[in-house]
Amino acid sequence: NASLTTTITLTGIVAVFVMMTMAVALS
């Protein structure tokens, strides 16, 4: 039952981590 701010922050962190991983692989 986390707040909306916590949910958005956690979703953004995971998305950034996924983008970094795939960006390194593409590079």
PDB file of all heavy atoms in Angstrom:
ATOM      1  N   ASN A   1       0.824  -1.205   0.000  1.00  0.00           N
ATOM      2  CA  ASN A   1       0.000   0.000   0.000  1.00  0.00           C
ATOM      3  C   ASN A   1       0.864   1.264   0.000  1.00  0.00           C
ATOM      4  O   ASN A   1       0.636   2.208   0.778  1.00  0.00           O
ATOM      5  CB  ASN A   1      -0.955   0.013   1.196  1.00  0.00           C
ATOM      6  CG  ASN A   1      -2.013  -1.064   1.100  1.00  0.00           C
ATOM      7  OD1 ASN A   1      -2.486  -1.371   0.013  1.00  0.00           O
ATOM      8  ND2 ASN A   1      -2.382  -1.644   2.242  1.00  0.00           N
ATOM      9  N   ALA A   2       1.886   1.284  -0.864  1.00  0.00           N
ATOM     10  CA  ALA A   2       2.771   2.445  -0.932  1.00  0.00           C
ATOM     11  C   ALA A   2       2.068   3.603  -1.606  1.00  0.00           C
ATOM     12  O   ALA A   2       1.073   3.442  -2.332  1.00  0.00           O
ATOM     13  CB  ALA A   2       4.041   2.078  -1.700  1.00  0.00           C
ATOM     14  N   SER A   3       2.594   4.785  -1.377  1.00  0.00           N
ATOM     15  CA  SER A   3       2.010   5.988  -1.963  1.00  0.00           C
ATOM     16  C   SER A   3       2.293   6.048  -3.461  1.00  0.00           C
ATOM     17  O   SER A   3       3.147   5.321  -3.990  1.00  0.00           O
ATOM     18  CB  SER A   3       2.572   7.242  -1.284  1.00  0.00           C
ATOM     19  OG  SER A   3       3.985   7.315  -1.498  1.00  0.00           O
ATOM     20  N   LEU A   4       1.580   6.937  -4.141  1.00  0.00           N
ATOM     21  CA  LEU A   4       1.765   7.085  -5.584  1.00  0.00           C
ATOM     22  C   LEU A   4       3.149   7.604  -5.910  1.00  0.00           C
ATOM     23  O   LEU A   4       3.765   7.184  -6.896  1.00  0.00           O
ATOM     24  CB  LEU A   4       0.688   8.032  -6.139  1.00  0.00           C
ATOM     25  CG  LEU A   4       0.723   8.284  -7.640  1.00  0.00           C
ATOM     26  CD1 LEU A   4       0.539   6.997  -8.416  1.00  0.00           C
ATOM     27  CD2 LEU A   4      -0.340   9.311  -8.033  1.00  0.00           C
ATOM     28  N   THR A   5       3.663   8.501  -5.077  1.00  0.00           N
ATOM     29  CA  THR A   5       4.999   9.042  -5.324  1.00  0.00           C
ATOM     30  C   THR A   5       6.046   7.942  -5.242  1.00  0.00           C
ATOM     31  O   THR A   5       6.963   7.861  -6.072  1.00  0.00           O
ATOM     32  CB  THR A   5       5.316  10.147  -4.315  1.00  0.00           C
ATOM     33  OG1 THR A   5       4.288  11.143  -4.378  1.00  0.00           O
ATOM     34  CG2 THR A   5       6.659  10.779  -4.618  1.00  0.00           C
ATOM     35  N   THR A   6       5.913   7.069  -4.250  1.00  0.00           N
ATOM     36  CA  THR A   6       6.862   5.958  -4.100  1.00  0.00           C
ATOM     37  C   THR A   6       6.764   5.009  -5.296  1.00  0.00           C
ATOM     38  O   THR A   6       7.786   4.533  -5.815  1.00  0.00           O
ATOM     39  CB  THR A   6       6.569   5.201  -2.799  1.00  0.00           C
ATOM     40  OG1 THR A   6       6.624   6.124  -1.707  1.00  0.00           O
ATOM     41  CG2 THR A   6       7.585   4.090  -2.587  1.00  0.00           C
ATOM     42  N   THR A   7       5.552   4.750  -5.739  1.00  0.00           N
ATOM     43  CA  THR A   7       5.376   3.838  -6.882  1.00  0.00           C
ATOM     44  C   THR A   7       6.006   4.422  -8.145  1.00  0.00           C
ATOM     45  O   THR A   7       6.711   3.720  -8.893  1.00  0.00           O
ATOM     46  CB  THR A   7       3.882   3.585  -7.117  1.00  0.00           C
ATOM     47  OG1 THR A   7       3.303   3.054  -5.921  1.00  0.00           O
ATOM     48  CG2 THR A   7       3.663   2.613  -8.260  1.00  0.00           C
ATOM     49  N   ILE A   8       5.767   5.721  -8.386  1.00  0.00           N
ATOM     50  CA  ILE A   8       6.341   6.345  -9.588  1.00  0.00           C
ATOM     51  C   ILE A   8       7.855   6.375  -9.504  1.00  0.00           C
ATOM     52  O   ILE A   8       8.558   6.126 -10.497  1.00  0.00           O
ATOM     53  CB  ILE A   8       5.765   7.760  -9.752  1.00  0.00           C
ATOM     54  CG1 ILE A   8       4.259   7.694 -10.050  1.00  0.00           C
ATOM     55  CG2 ILE A   8       6.486   8.498 -10.878  1.00  0.00           C
ATOM     56  CD1 ILE A   8       3.598   9.042 -10.104  1.00  0.00           C
ATOM     57  N   THR A   9       8.384   6.667  -8.297  1.00  0.00           N
ATOM     58  CA  THR A   9       9.839   6.721  -8.153  1.00  0.00           C
ATOM     59  C   THR A   9      10.460   5.353  -8.394  1.00  0.00           C
ATOM     60  O   THR A   9      11.473   5.227  -9.111  1.00  0.00           O
ATOM     61  CB  THR A   9      10.194   7.214  -6.741  1.00  0.00           C
ATOM     62  OG1 THR A   9       9.585   8.493  -6.521  1.00  0.00           O
ATOM     63  CG2 THR A   9      11.692   7.325  -6.572  1.00  0.00           C
ATOM     64  N   LEU A  10       9.864   4.320  -7.820  1.00  0.00           N
ATOM     65  CA  LEU A  10      10.408   2.970  -8.004  1.00  0.00           C
ATOM     66  C   LEU A  10      10.313   2.538  -9.464  1.00  0.00           C
ATOM     67  O   LEU A  10      11.244   1.940 -10.012  1.00  0.00           O
ATOM     68  CB  LEU A  10       9.643   1.997  -7.102  1.00  0.00           C
ATOM     69  CG  LEU A  10      10.165   0.551  -7.048  1.00  0.00           C
ATOM     70  CD1 LEU A  10      11.612   0.528  -6.578  1.00  0.00           C
ATOM     71  CD2 LEU A  10       9.290  -0.310  -6.137  1.00  0.00           C
ATOM     72  N   THR A  11       9.206   2.883 -10.123  1.00  0.00           N
ATOM     73  CA  THR A  11       9.061   2.537 -11.545  1.00  0.00           C
ATOM     74  C   THR A  11      10.101   3.256 -12.395  1.00  0.00           C
ATOM     75  O   THR A  11      10.694   2.679 -13.320  1.00  0.00           O
ATOM     76  CB  THR A  11       7.651   2.896 -12.027  1.00  0.00           C
ATOM     77  OG1 THR A  11       6.683   2.213 -11.230  1.00  0.00           O
ATOM     78  CG2 THR A  11       7.458   2.520 -13.482  1.00  0.00           C
ATOM     79  N   GLY A  12      10.353   4.530 -12.094  1.00  0.00           N
ATOM     80  CA  GLY A  12      11.358   5.271 -12.839  1.00  0.00           C
ATOM     81  C   GLY A  12      12.758   4.734 -12.635  1.00  0.00           C
ATOM     82  O   GLY A  12      13.553   4.670 -13.580  1.00  0.00           O
ATOM     83  N   ILE A  13      13.085   4.332 -11.387  1.00  0.00           N
ATOM     84  CA  ILE A  13      14.424   3.778 -11.121  1.00  0.00           C
ATOM     85  C   ILE A  13      14.635   2.488 -11.908  1.00  0.00           C
ATOM     86  O   ILE A  13      15.690   2.270 -12.521  1.00  0.00           O
ATOM     87  CB  ILE A  13      14.601   3.558  -9.613  1.00  0.00           C
ATOM     88  CG1 ILE A  13      14.639   4.911  -8.886  1.00  0.00           C
ATOM     89  CG2 ILE A  13      15.871   2.763  -9.333  1.00  0.00           C
ATOM     90  CD1 ILE A  13      14.666   4.783  -7.376  1.00  0.00           C
ATOM     91  N   VAL A  14      13.640   1.620 -11.889  1.00  0.00           N
ATOM     92  CA  VAL A  14      13.760   0.353 -12.633  1.00  0.00           C
ATOM     93  C   VAL A  14      13.883   0.617 -14.129  1.00  0.00           C
ATOM     94  O   VAL A  14      14.690  -0.015 -14.833  1.00  0.00           O
ATOM     95  CB  VAL A  14      12.562  -0.555 -12.323  1.00  0.00           C
ATOM     96  CG1 VAL A  14      12.585  -1.789 -13.215  1.00  0.00           C
ATOM     97  CG2 VAL A  14      12.569  -0.962 -10.870  1.00  0.00           C
ATOM     98  N   ALA A  15      13.104   1.588 -14.646  1.00  0.00           N
ATOM     99  CA  ALA A  15      13.178   1.898 -16.073  1.00  0.00           C
ATOM    100  C   ALA A  15      14.554   2.446 -16.444  1.00  0.00           C
ATOM    101  O   ALA A  15      15.117   2.092 -17.490  1.00  0.00           O
ATOM    102  CB  ALA A  15      12.082   2.897 -16.442  1.00  0.00           C
ATOM    103  N   VAL A  16      15.125   3.318 -15.588  1.00  0.00           N
ATOM    104  CA  VAL A  16      16.459   3.854 -15.860  1.00  0.00           C
ATOM    105  C   VAL A  16      17.488   2.740 -15.835  1.00  0.00           C
ATOM    106  O   VAL A  16      18.412   2.700 -16.682  1.00  0.00           O
ATOM    107  CB  VAL A  16      16.795   4.958 -14.839  1.00  0.00           C
ATOM    108  CG1 VAL A  16      18.262   5.353 -14.946  1.00  0.00           C
ATOM    109  CG2 VAL A  16      15.913   6.171 -15.067  1.00  0.00           C
ATOM    110  N   PHE A  17      17.364   1.815 -14.890  1.00  0.00           N
ATOM    111  CA  PHE A  17      18.316   0.701 -14.826  1.00  0.00           C
ATOM    112  C   PHE A  17      18.233  -0.169 -16.077  1.00  0.00           C
ATOM    113  O   PHE A  17      19.253  -0.599 -16.621  1.00  0.00           O
ATOM    114  CB  PHE A  17      18.042  -0.116 -13.566  1.00  0.00           C
ATOM    115  CG  PHE A  17      19.095  -1.135 -13.267  1.00  0.00           C
ATOM    116  CD1 PHE A  17      20.355  -0.769 -12.807  1.00  0.00           C
ATOM    117  CD2 PHE A  17      18.853  -2.490 -13.482  1.00  0.00           C
ATOM    118  CE1 PHE A  17      21.330  -1.711 -12.550  1.00  0.00           C
ATOM    119  CE2 PHE A  17      19.820  -3.437 -13.223  1.00  0.00           C
ATOM    120  CZ  PHE A  17      21.067  -3.036 -12.758  1.00  0.00           C
ATOM    121  N   VAL A  18      17.016  -0.407 -16.561  1.00  0.00           N
ATOM    122  CA  VAL A  18      16.847  -1.209 -17.775  1.00  0.00           C
ATOM    123  C   VAL A  18      17.439  -0.484 -18.980  1.00  0.00           C
ATOM    124  O   VAL A  18      18.147  -1.080 -19.811  1.00  0.00           O
ATOM    125  CB  VAL A  18      15.356  -1.509 -18.004  1.00  0.00           C
ATOM    126  CG1 VAL A  18      15.159  -2.214 -19.356  1.00  0.00           C
ATOM    127  CG2 VAL A  18      14.812  -2.378 -16.902  1.00  0.00           C
ATOM    128  N   MET A  19      17.199   0.834 -19.068  1.00  0.00           N
ATOM    129  CA  MET A  19      17.738   1.601 -20.186  1.00  0.00           C
ATOM    130  C   MET A  19      19.259   1.620 -20.168  1.00  0.00           C
ATOM    131  O   MET A  19      19.909   1.513 -21.205  1.00  0.00           O
ATOM    132  CB  MET A  19      17.184   3.025 -20.149  1.00  0.00           C
ATOM    133  CG  MET A  19      15.772   3.145 -20.688  1.00  0.00           C
ATOM    134  SD  MET A  19      15.282   4.871 -20.896  1.00  0.00           S
ATOM    135  CE  MET A  19      15.217   5.393 -19.192  1.00  0.00           C
ATOM    136  N   MET A  20      19.851   1.766 -18.980  1.00  0.00           N
ATOM    137  CA  MET A  20      21.311   1.764 -18.881  1.00  0.00           C
ATOM    138  C   MET A  20      21.895   0.428 -19.339  1.00  0.00           C
ATOM    139  O   MET A  20      22.880   0.386 -20.076  1.00  0.00           O
ATOM    140  CB  MET A  20      21.737   2.069 -17.441  1.00  0.00           C
ATOM    141  CG  MET A  20      21.471   3.499 -16.984  1.00  0.00           C
ATOM    142  SD  MET A  20      21.891   3.740 -15.253  1.00  0.00           S
ATOM    143  CE  MET A  20      23.615   3.256 -15.275  1.00  0.00           C
ATOM    144  N   THR A  21      21.264  -0.652 -18.888  1.00  0.00           N
ATOM    145  CA  THR A  21      21.771  -1.982 -19.284  1.00  0.00           C
ATOM    146  C   THR A  21      21.701  -2.171 -20.793  1.00  0.00           C
ATOM    147  O   THR A  21      22.674  -2.597 -21.438  1.00  0.00           O
ATOM    148  CB  THR A  21      20.963  -3.071 -18.583  1.00  0.00           C
ATOM    149  OG1 THR A  21      21.019  -2.864 -17.165  1.00  0.00           O
ATOM    150  CG2 THR A  21      21.495  -4.447 -18.915  1.00  0.00           C
ATOM    151  N   MET A  22      20.564  -1.846 -21.393  1.00  0.00           N
ATOM    152  CA  MET A  22      20.422  -2.044 -22.839  1.00  0.00           C
ATOM    153  C   MET A  22      21.264  -1.044 -23.623  1.00  0.00           C
ATOM    154  O   MET A  22      21.748  -1.362 -24.713  1.00  0.00           O
ATOM    155  CB  MET A  22      18.952  -1.928 -23.231  1.00  0.00           C
ATOM    156  CG  MET A  22      18.058  -2.923 -22.497  1.00  0.00           C
ATOM    157  SD  MET A  22      16.432  -3.106 -23.216  1.00  0.00           S
ATOM    158  CE  MET A  22      16.824  -3.999 -24.686  1.00  0.00           C
ATOM    159  N   ALA A  23      21.453   0.169 -23.086  1.00  0.00           N
ATOM    160  CA  ALA A  23      22.312   1.133 -23.767  1.00  0.00           C
ATOM    161  C   ALA A  23      23.760   0.667 -23.788  1.00  0.00           C
ATOM    162  O   ALA A  23      24.466   0.818 -24.795  1.00  0.00           O
ATOM    163  CB  ALA A  23      22.199   2.494 -23.087  1.00  0.00           C
ATOM    164  N   VAL A  24      24.224   0.074 -22.679  1.00  0.00           N
ATOM    165  CA  VAL A  24      25.588  -0.469 -22.654  1.00  0.00           C
ATOM    166  C   VAL A  24      25.729  -1.604 -23.666  1.00  0.00           C
ATOM    167  O   VAL A  24      26.729  -1.695 -24.396  1.00  0.00           O
ATOM    168  CB  VAL A  24      25.943  -0.935 -21.232  1.00  0.00           C
ATOM    169  CG1 VAL A  24      27.268  -1.688 -21.226  1.00  0.00           C
ATOM    170  CG2 VAL A  24      26.014   0.256 -20.275  1.00  0.00           C
ATOM    171  N   ALA A  25      24.731  -2.491 -23.731  1.00  0.00           N
ATOM    172  CA  ALA A  25      24.783  -3.595 -24.701  1.00  0.00           C
ATOM    173  C   ALA A  25      24.787  -3.066 -26.128  1.00  0.00           C
ATOM    174  O   ALA A  25      25.539  -3.551 -27.001  1.00  0.00           O
ATOM    175  CB  ALA A  25      23.602  -4.538 -24.487  1.00  0.00           C
ATOM    176  N   LEU A  26      23.966  -2.035 -26.403  1.00  0.00           N
ATOM    177  CA  LEU A  26      23.963  -1.457 -27.749  1.00  0.00           C
ATOM    178  C   LEU A  26      25.286  -0.789 -28.064  1.00  0.00           C
ATOM    179  O   LEU A  26      25.787  -0.874 -29.203  1.00  0.00           O
ATOM    180  CB  LEU A  26      22.827  -0.434 -27.857  1.00  0.00           C
ATOM    181  CG  LEU A  26      21.402  -0.997 -27.938  1.00  0.00           C
ATOM    182  CD1 LEU A  26      20.397   0.145 -27.985  1.00  0.00           C
ATOM    183  CD2 LEU A  26      21.236  -1.879 -29.163  1.00  0.00           C
ATOM    184  N   SER A  27      25.869  -0.121 -27.099  1.00  0.00           N
ATOM    185  CA  SER A  27      27.159   0.530 -27.333  1.00  0.00           C
ATOM    186  C   SER A  27      28.239  -0.491 -27.658  1.00  0.00           C
ATOM    187  O   SER A  27      29.047  -0.299 -28.577  1.00  0.00           O
ATOM    188  CB  SER A  27      27.546   1.350 -26.098  1.00  0.00           C
ATOM    189  OG  SER A  27      28.821   1.924 -26.273  1.00  0.00           O
TER     190      SER A  27
END
